[in-house]
Amino acid sequence: MTDHLTVDAQLCFKLYTASRAMTAAYRPKLERLGLTYPQYLVMLSLWERDNRSVGDVCQALELDSGTISPLLKRLEAAGLIERRRAATDERRVDIRLTEQGRALRAEASCIPTEMFDAFALPPDELRMLHDTLPRLTRSLMSHITEGE
């Protein structure tokens, strides 16, 4: 009989340790850029589409404004972004990359390939994991919403 109440039997533990390992693997690569992992995610969203509102970045990264705001302050202090109140709606804050922030994209361009090499898994397994995790997230979020 299998004991399901062990740490090693828990999918949540496997995801937690994988997430910690992923962040640790990114750390030295991002330190070269002067970014933390959460700041890198914000920059990725802005490199994907510049001049976004804070709300749009929150939505893209599935984070709340209380989490994003300190990251934006640090990125602005580093000279990578500018934050401005929207002229049409003072409640909305728009974020735009500075020249320095745009230039950092070129320096970061090698990171996905470096990380792909670090994974050391067959491409089909990585693709399957990449496709499965969002479905897992949606399923869990649906379960959370139904439980409220």
N, C-alpha and C. Protein backbone atom coordinates (compact mmCIF):
# COMPACT_ATOMS: atom_id res chain seq x y z
N MET A 1 0.85 -1.19 0.00
CA MET A 1 0.00 0.00 0.00
C MET A 1 0.89 1.25 0.00
N THR A 2 0.56 2.19 -0.88
CA THR A 2 1.34 3.42 -1.00
C THR A 2 0.84 4.46 -0.02
N ASP A 3 1.79 5.09 0.65
CA ASP A 3 1.44 6.18 1.57
C ASP A 3 1.44 7.48 0.77
N HIS A 4 0.27 8.06 0.56
CA HIS A 4 0.15 9.29 -0.23
C HIS A 4 0.50 10.53 0.58
N LEU A 5 0.69 10.38 1.87
CA LEU A 5 1.03 11.53 2.71
C LEU A 5 2.53 11.56 3.01
N THR A 6 3.32 11.46 1.95
CA THR A 6 4.75 11.67 2.06
C THR A 6 5.11 12.87 1.19
N VAL A 7 6.17 13.54 1.51
CA VAL A 7 6.60 14.70 0.73
C VAL A 7 6.84 14.29 -0.71
N ASP A 8 7.55 13.20 -0.91
CA ASP A 8 7.93 12.80 -2.25
C ASP A 8 6.74 12.39 -3.13
N ALA A 9 5.63 12.04 -2.53
CA ALA A 9 4.44 11.64 -3.29
C ALA A 9 3.63 12.84 -3.77
N GLN A 10 3.98 14.03 -3.34
CA GLN A 10 3.18 15.22 -3.62
C GLN A 10 3.63 15.91 -4.91
N LEU A 11 2.71 16.09 -5.85
CA LEU A 11 3.00 16.84 -7.07
C LEU A 11 3.38 18.28 -6.72
N CYS A 12 2.74 18.84 -5.72
CA CYS A 12 3.04 20.23 -5.32
C CYS A 12 4.51 20.37 -4.92
N PHE A 13 5.06 19.34 -4.27
CA PHE A 13 6.47 19.40 -3.88
C PHE A 13 7.37 19.33 -5.11
N LYS A 14 7.01 18.49 -6.07
CA LYS A 14 7.81 18.38 -7.30
C LYS A 14 7.81 19.72 -8.05
N LEU A 15 6.65 20.36 -8.13
CA LEU A 15 6.55 21.66 -8.79
C LEU A 15 7.32 22.74 -8.02
N TYR A 16 7.24 22.69 -6.70
CA TYR A 16 7.92 23.67 -5.85
C TYR A 16 9.44 23.56 -6.02
N THR A 17 9.97 22.33 -5.96
CA THR A 17 11.42 22.17 -6.09
C THR A 17 11.88 22.49 -7.51
N ALA A 18 11.06 22.16 -8.52
CA ALA A 18 11.40 22.51 -9.90
C ALA A 18 11.43 24.02 -10.07
N SER A 19 10.47 24.72 -9.47
CA SER A 19 10.42 26.17 -9.56
C SER A 19 11.65 26.80 -8.89
N ARG A 20 12.02 26.31 -7.74
CA ARG A 20 13.21 26.82 -7.05
C ARG A 20 14.47 26.57 -7.87
N ALA A 21 14.57 25.37 -8.46
CA ALA A 21 15.73 25.04 -9.29
C ALA A 21 15.78 25.93 -10.53
N MET A 22 14.62 26.18 -11.13
CA MET A 22 14.55 27.04 -12.31
C MET A 22 15.04 28.44 -11.98
N THR A 23 14.53 28.99 -10.89
CA THR A 23 14.94 30.34 -10.49
C THR A 23 16.44 30.39 -10.19
N ALA A 24 16.95 29.36 -9.53
CA ALA A 24 18.39 29.31 -9.21
C ALA A 24 19.23 29.21 -10.48
N ALA A 25 18.74 28.47 -11.48
CA ALA A 25 19.49 28.34 -12.74
C ALA A 25 19.50 29.66 -13.51
N TYR A 26 18.45 30.44 -13.41
CA TYR A 26 18.39 31.74 -14.07
C TYR A 26 19.27 32.78 -13.36
N ARG A 27 19.43 32.65 -12.05
CA ARG A 27 20.07 33.69 -11.25
C ARG A 27 21.40 34.20 -11.81
N PRO A 28 22.39 33.33 -12.08
CA PRO A 28 23.67 33.88 -12.57
C PRO A 28 23.56 34.54 -13.94
N LYS A 29 22.67 34.05 -14.77
CA LYS A 29 22.48 34.64 -16.10
C LYS A 29 21.87 36.04 -15.98
N LEU A 30 20.93 36.18 -15.05
CA LEU A 30 20.25 37.47 -14.87
C LEU A 30 21.11 38.46 -14.09
N GLU A 31 21.96 37.95 -13.22
CA GLU A 31 22.86 38.85 -12.49
C GLU A 31 23.75 39.62 -13.45
N ARG A 32 24.13 38.98 -14.56
CA ARG A 32 24.92 39.67 -15.60
C ARG A 32 24.18 40.88 -16.13
N LEU A 33 22.86 40.80 -16.13
CA LEU A 33 22.02 41.88 -16.66
C LEU A 33 21.58 42.85 -15.57
N GLY A 34 21.86 42.50 -14.32
CA GLY A 34 21.42 43.34 -13.20
C GLY A 34 19.94 43.17 -12.88
N LEU A 35 19.38 41.99 -13.22
CA LEU A 35 17.96 41.74 -13.00
C LEU A 35 17.74 40.56 -12.06
N THR A 36 16.64 40.63 -11.33
CA THR A 36 16.16 39.47 -10.60
C THR A 36 15.21 38.71 -11.53
N TYR A 37 14.85 37.50 -11.15
CA TYR A 37 13.94 36.72 -11.99
C TYR A 37 12.59 37.42 -12.18
N PRO A 38 11.95 37.93 -11.12
CA PRO A 38 10.68 38.65 -11.34
C PRO A 38 10.84 39.90 -12.23
N GLN A 39 11.95 40.61 -12.08
CA GLN A 39 12.19 41.77 -12.94
C GLN A 39 12.37 41.33 -14.40
N TYR A 40 13.02 40.20 -14.60
CA TYR A 40 13.20 39.65 -15.95
C TYR A 40 11.85 39.36 -16.58
N LEU A 41 10.92 38.82 -15.81
CA LEU A 41 9.58 38.53 -16.34
C LEU A 41 8.90 39.82 -16.78
N VAL A 42 9.03 40.89 -15.99
CA VAL A 42 8.45 42.18 -16.37
C VAL A 42 9.09 42.67 -17.66
N MET A 43 10.42 42.57 -17.74
CA MET A 43 11.11 43.02 -18.94
C MET A 43 10.69 42.20 -20.16
N LEU A 44 10.54 40.90 -19.99
CA LEU A 44 10.07 40.06 -21.10
C LEU A 44 8.72 40.55 -21.61
N SER A 45 7.82 40.89 -20.69
CA SER A 45 6.50 41.36 -21.11
C SER A 45 6.61 42.67 -21.88
N LEU A 46 7.55 43.52 -21.49
CA LEU A 46 7.73 44.81 -22.18
C LEU A 46 8.50 44.65 -23.48
N TRP A 47 9.43 43.71 -23.55
CA TRP A 47 10.12 43.44 -24.82
C TRP A 47 9.14 42.85 -25.83
N GLU A 48 8.17 42.12 -25.31
CA GLU A 48 7.15 41.54 -26.18
C GLU A 48 6.25 42.64 -26.74
N ARG A 49 5.86 43.58 -25.87
CA ARG A 49 5.03 44.71 -26.29
C ARG A 49 5.30 45.89 -25.36
N ASP A 50 5.92 46.89 -25.90
CA ASP A 50 6.27 48.09 -25.12
C ASP A 50 5.04 48.96 -24.92
N ASN A 51 5.17 49.88 -23.97
CA ASN A 51 4.12 50.87 -23.67
C ASN A 51 2.82 50.17 -23.25
N ARG A 52 2.91 49.47 -22.14
CA ARG A 52 1.76 48.74 -21.59
C ARG A 52 1.34 49.41 -20.29
N SER A 53 0.11 49.21 -19.92
CA SER A 53 -0.35 49.71 -18.62
C SER A 53 0.10 48.73 -17.54
N VAL A 54 0.15 49.21 -16.30
CA VAL A 54 0.48 48.33 -15.18
C VAL A 54 -0.49 47.17 -15.14
N GLY A 55 -1.77 47.45 -15.34
CA GLY A 55 -2.78 46.40 -15.33
C GLY A 55 -2.54 45.35 -16.39
N ASP A 56 -2.08 45.78 -17.56
CA ASP A 56 -1.79 44.86 -18.65
C ASP A 56 -0.62 43.96 -18.29
N VAL A 57 0.41 44.52 -17.68
CA VAL A 57 1.57 43.72 -17.26
C VAL A 57 1.14 42.74 -16.17
N CYS A 58 0.33 43.21 -15.23
CA CYS A 58 -0.19 42.31 -14.18
C CYS A 58 -0.93 41.14 -14.80
N GLN A 59 -1.77 41.43 -15.77
CA GLN A 59 -2.54 40.38 -16.43
C GLN A 59 -1.63 39.43 -17.20
N ALA A 60 -0.66 39.96 -17.92
CA ALA A 60 0.24 39.12 -18.72
C ALA A 60 1.05 38.17 -17.83
N LEU A 61 1.44 38.64 -16.64
CA LEU A 61 2.27 37.84 -15.74
C LEU A 61 1.47 37.13 -14.65
N GLU A 62 0.15 37.36 -14.67
CA GLU A 62 -0.73 36.75 -13.67
C GLU A 62 -0.27 37.08 -12.24
N LEU A 63 0.04 38.36 -12.04
CA LEU A 63 0.45 38.87 -10.74
C LEU A 63 -0.41 40.08 -10.40
N ASP A 64 -0.50 40.41 -9.11
CA ASP A 64 -1.30 41.57 -8.72
C ASP A 64 -0.42 42.82 -8.68
N SER A 65 -1.06 43.97 -8.64
CA SER A 65 -0.33 45.25 -8.69
C SER A 65 0.56 45.43 -7.46
N GLY A 66 0.18 44.84 -6.34
CA GLY A 66 1.02 44.94 -5.14
C GLY A 66 2.35 44.23 -5.31
N THR A 67 2.38 43.22 -6.16
CA THR A 67 3.62 42.50 -6.45
C THR A 67 4.41 43.22 -7.54
N ILE A 68 3.71 43.73 -8.54
CA ILE A 68 4.36 44.37 -9.69
C ILE A 68 4.94 45.73 -9.33
N SER A 69 4.24 46.52 -8.52
CA SER A 69 4.67 47.90 -8.25
C SER A 69 6.10 48.02 -7.73
N PRO A 70 6.52 47.23 -6.73
CA PRO A 70 7.91 47.35 -6.28
C PRO A 70 8.92 46.97 -7.38
N LEU A 71 8.56 46.01 -8.22
CA LEU A 71 9.45 45.62 -9.32
C LEU A 71 9.61 46.78 -10.29
N LEU A 72 8.50 47.45 -10.59
CA LEU A 72 8.54 48.58 -11.51
C LEU A 72 9.36 49.73 -10.94
N LYS A 73 9.23 49.96 -9.65
CA LYS A 73 10.02 51.03 -9.02
C LYS A 73 11.51 50.76 -9.16
N ARG A 74 11.92 49.51 -8.94
CA ARG A 74 13.34 49.15 -9.04
C ARG A 74 13.82 49.24 -10.49
N LEU A 75 12.99 48.80 -11.43
CA LEU A 75 13.37 48.88 -12.84
C LEU A 75 13.48 50.33 -13.30
N GLU A 76 12.61 51.18 -12.77
CA GLU A 76 12.67 52.60 -13.10
C GLU A 76 13.93 53.23 -12.50
N ALA A 77 14.23 52.88 -11.25
CA ALA A 77 15.44 53.40 -10.60
C ALA A 77 16.71 52.96 -11.34
N ALA A 78 16.65 51.78 -11.97
CA ALA A 78 17.79 51.26 -12.74
C ALA A 78 17.87 51.89 -14.13
N GLY A 79 16.87 52.70 -14.48
CA GLY A 79 16.88 53.38 -15.77
C GLY A 79 16.39 52.53 -16.93
N LEU A 80 15.69 51.42 -16.63
CA LEU A 80 15.24 50.52 -17.69
C LEU A 80 13.84 50.82 -18.20
N ILE A 81 13.02 51.44 -17.36
CA ILE A 81 11.64 51.77 -17.75
C ILE A 81 11.29 53.17 -17.27
N GLU A 82 10.21 53.69 -17.81
CA GLU A 82 9.60 54.93 -17.33
C GLU A 82 8.14 54.63 -17.04
N ARG A 83 7.64 55.20 -15.95
CA ARG A 83 6.21 55.08 -15.62
C ARG A 83 5.58 56.45 -15.73
N ARG A 84 4.42 56.49 -16.37
CA ARG A 84 3.70 57.76 -16.53
C ARG A 84 2.21 57.53 -16.37
N ARG A 85 1.54 58.47 -15.75
CA ARG A 85 0.08 58.43 -15.69
C ARG A 85 -0.47 58.69 -17.09
N ALA A 86 -1.48 57.95 -17.45
CA ALA A 86 -2.11 58.13 -18.76
C ALA A 86 -2.82 59.47 -18.79
N ALA A 87 -2.69 60.18 -19.89
CA ALA A 87 -3.33 61.49 -20.03
C ALA A 87 -4.84 61.38 -20.04
N THR A 88 -5.35 60.28 -20.57
CA THR A 88 -6.79 60.10 -20.71
C THR A 88 -7.45 59.56 -19.44
N ASP A 89 -6.66 58.92 -18.58
CA ASP A 89 -7.21 58.32 -17.35
C ASP A 89 -6.12 58.30 -16.29
N GLU A 90 -6.21 59.21 -15.33
CA GLU A 90 -5.15 59.35 -14.33
C GLU A 90 -5.01 58.14 -13.42
N ARG A 91 -6.00 57.25 -13.42
CA ARG A 91 -5.89 56.04 -12.60
C ARG A 91 -4.94 55.03 -13.26
N ARG A 92 -4.75 55.16 -14.56
CA ARG A 92 -3.92 54.20 -15.30
C ARG A 92 -2.49 54.70 -15.38
N VAL A 93 -1.56 53.80 -15.10
CA VAL A 93 -0.13 54.10 -15.23
C VAL A 93 0.41 53.28 -16.39
N ASP A 94 1.07 53.97 -17.33
CA ASP A 94 1.67 53.30 -18.47
C ASP A 94 3.17 53.12 -18.23
N ILE A 95 3.67 52.02 -18.75
CA ILE A 95 5.08 51.69 -18.60
C ILE A 95 5.69 51.61 -19.99
N ARG A 96 6.84 52.23 -20.13
CA ARG A 96 7.52 52.18 -21.42
C ARG A 96 9.01 51.96 -21.17
N LEU A 97 9.62 51.21 -22.07
CA LEU A 97 11.05 50.95 -21.99
C LEU A 97 11.83 52.21 -22.31
N THR A 98 12.95 52.39 -21.63
CA THR A 98 13.89 53.44 -21.99
C THR A 98 14.83 52.87 -23.06
N GLU A 99 15.69 53.69 -23.59
CA GLU A 99 16.71 53.20 -24.55
C GLU A 99 17.55 52.10 -23.89
N GLN A 100 17.91 52.33 -22.65
CA GLN A 100 18.70 51.34 -21.91
C GLN A 100 17.93 50.03 -21.75
N GLY A 101 16.64 50.13 -21.50
CA GLY A 101 15.80 48.94 -21.37
C GLY A 101 15.67 48.19 -22.68
N ARG A 102 15.56 48.93 -23.78
CA ARG A 102 15.50 48.29 -25.10
C ARG A 102 16.83 47.63 -25.43
N ALA A 103 17.93 48.28 -25.10
CA ALA A 103 19.27 47.74 -25.39
C ALA A 103 19.53 46.46 -24.59
N LEU A 104 18.96 46.37 -23.41
CA LEU A 104 19.17 45.19 -22.57
C LEU A 104 18.60 43.93 -23.23
N ARG A 105 17.63 44.10 -24.08
CA ARG A 105 17.03 42.96 -24.79
C ARG A 105 18.09 42.19 -25.57
N ALA A 106 18.97 42.89 -26.24
CA ALA A 106 20.02 42.24 -27.03
C ALA A 106 20.94 41.42 -26.11
N GLU A 107 21.25 41.95 -24.95
CA GLU A 107 22.09 41.22 -23.99
C GLU A 107 21.39 39.98 -23.46
N ALA A 108 20.07 40.05 -23.35
CA ALA A 108 19.29 38.93 -22.80
C ALA A 108 18.95 37.88 -23.84
N SER A 109 19.20 38.16 -25.09
CA SER A 109 18.74 37.27 -26.17
C SER A 109 19.33 35.86 -26.09
N CYS A 110 20.46 35.68 -25.44
CA CYS A 110 21.09 34.35 -25.35
C CYS A 110 20.50 33.51 -24.21
N ILE A 111 19.76 34.11 -23.32
CA ILE A 111 19.29 33.40 -22.12
C ILE A 111 18.36 32.22 -22.45
N PRO A 112 17.37 32.37 -23.32
CA PRO A 112 16.51 31.20 -23.61
C PRO A 112 17.31 29.99 -24.12
N THR A 113 18.27 30.22 -25.00
CA THR A 113 19.07 29.11 -25.51
C THR A 113 19.93 28.50 -24.41
N GLU A 114 20.53 29.34 -23.58
CA GLU A 114 21.33 28.84 -22.46
C GLU A 114 20.48 28.01 -21.52
N MET A 115 19.26 28.45 -21.27
CA MET A 115 18.38 27.71 -20.37
C MET A 115 17.91 26.41 -21.02
N PHE A 116 17.62 26.44 -22.30
CA PHE A 116 17.22 25.23 -23.00
C PHE A 116 18.31 24.17 -22.88
N ASP A 117 19.56 24.60 -23.03
CA ASP A 117 20.69 23.68 -22.87
C ASP A 117 20.79 23.17 -21.44
N ALA A 118 20.51 24.02 -20.47
CA ALA A 118 20.59 23.64 -19.07
C ALA A 118 19.53 22.61 -18.68
N PHE A 119 18.40 22.63 -19.36
CA PHE A 119 17.33 21.69 -19.04
C PHE A 119 17.77 20.25 -19.29
N ALA A 120 18.57 20.05 -20.32
CA ALA A 120 19.11 18.72 -20.63
C ALA A 120 18.02 17.65 -20.71
N LEU A 121 16.89 18.02 -21.28
CA LEU A 121 15.79 17.09 -21.52
C LEU A 121 15.50 17.07 -23.02
N PRO A 122 14.97 15.97 -23.52
CA PRO A 122 14.62 15.93 -24.94
C PRO A 122 13.59 17.02 -25.28
N PRO A 123 13.70 17.61 -26.45
CA PRO A 123 12.77 18.69 -26.84
C PRO A 123 11.30 18.29 -26.74
N ASP A 124 10.95 17.04 -27.07
CA ASP A 124 9.55 16.65 -27.00
C ASP A 124 9.04 16.62 -25.56
N GLU A 125 9.90 16.27 -24.61
CA GLU A 125 9.50 16.29 -23.19
C GLU A 125 9.31 17.73 -22.72
N LEU A 126 10.21 18.62 -23.14
CA LEU A 126 10.08 20.03 -22.76
C LEU A 126 8.82 20.64 -23.36
N ARG A 127 8.54 20.31 -24.61
CA ARG A 127 7.34 20.82 -25.27
C ARG A 127 6.08 20.33 -24.54
N MET A 128 6.09 19.06 -24.16
CA MET A 128 4.94 18.50 -23.45
C MET A 128 4.75 19.20 -22.09
N LEU A 129 5.84 19.41 -21.38
CA LEU A 129 5.77 20.11 -20.09
C LEU A 129 5.27 21.54 -20.30
N HIS A 130 5.79 22.19 -21.31
CA HIS A 130 5.39 23.57 -21.64
C HIS A 130 3.90 23.65 -21.93
N ASP A 131 3.35 22.64 -22.59
CA ASP A 131 1.94 22.62 -22.93
C ASP A 131 1.06 22.17 -21.77
N THR A 132 1.59 21.31 -20.90
CA THR A 132 0.81 20.75 -19.80
C THR A 132 0.66 21.73 -18.64
N LEU A 133 1.70 22.46 -18.32
CA LEU A 133 1.65 23.34 -17.15
C LEU A 133 0.55 24.41 -17.23
N PRO A 134 0.33 25.06 -18.37
CA PRO A 134 -0.79 26.02 -18.42
C PRO A 134 -2.15 25.34 -18.21
N ARG A 135 -2.30 24.13 -18.73
CA ARG A 135 -3.56 23.40 -18.52
C ARG A 135 -3.73 23.08 -17.04
N LEU A 136 -2.66 22.70 -16.38
CA LEU A 136 -2.72 22.44 -14.94
C LEU A 136 -3.11 23.71 -14.20
N THR A 137 -2.50 24.82 -14.57
CA THR A 137 -2.80 26.10 -13.92
C THR A 137 -4.27 26.47 -14.11
N ARG A 138 -4.77 26.37 -15.34
CA ARG A 138 -6.18 26.70 -15.59
C ARG A 138 -7.11 25.79 -14.78
N SER A 139 -6.78 24.52 -14.72
CA SER A 139 -7.60 23.57 -13.96
C SER A 139 -7.63 23.95 -12.48
N LEU A 140 -6.46 24.26 -11.93
CA LEU A 140 -6.41 24.63 -10.52
C LEU A 140 -7.14 25.94 -10.26
N MET A 141 -6.97 26.92 -11.15
CA MET A 141 -7.65 28.20 -10.98
C MET A 141 -9.16 28.02 -11.07
N SER A 142 -9.60 27.16 -11.94
CA SER A 142 -11.03 26.87 -12.06
C SER A 142 -11.54 26.24 -10.76
N HIS A 143 -10.77 25.34 -10.22
CA HIS A 143 -11.14 24.68 -8.97
C HIS A 143 -11.21 25.69 -7.82
N ILE A 144 -10.25 26.60 -7.79
CA ILE A 144 -10.22 27.64 -6.75
C ILE A 144 -11.45 28.53 -6.88
N THR A 145 -11.76 28.96 -8.10
CA THR A 145 -12.90 29.85 -8.35
C THR A 145 -14.21 29.16 -7.97
N GLU A 146 -14.35 27.88 -8.31
CA GLU A 146 -15.57 27.13 -7.98
C GLU A 146 -15.73 26.98 -6.48
N GLY A 147 -14.61 26.90 -5.75
CA GLY A 147 -14.65 26.68 -4.31
C GLY A 147 -15.00 27.93 -3.52
N GLU A 148 -14.99 29.09 -4.15
CA GLU A 148 -15.26 30.34 -3.43
C GLU A 148 -16.71 30.54 -3.17
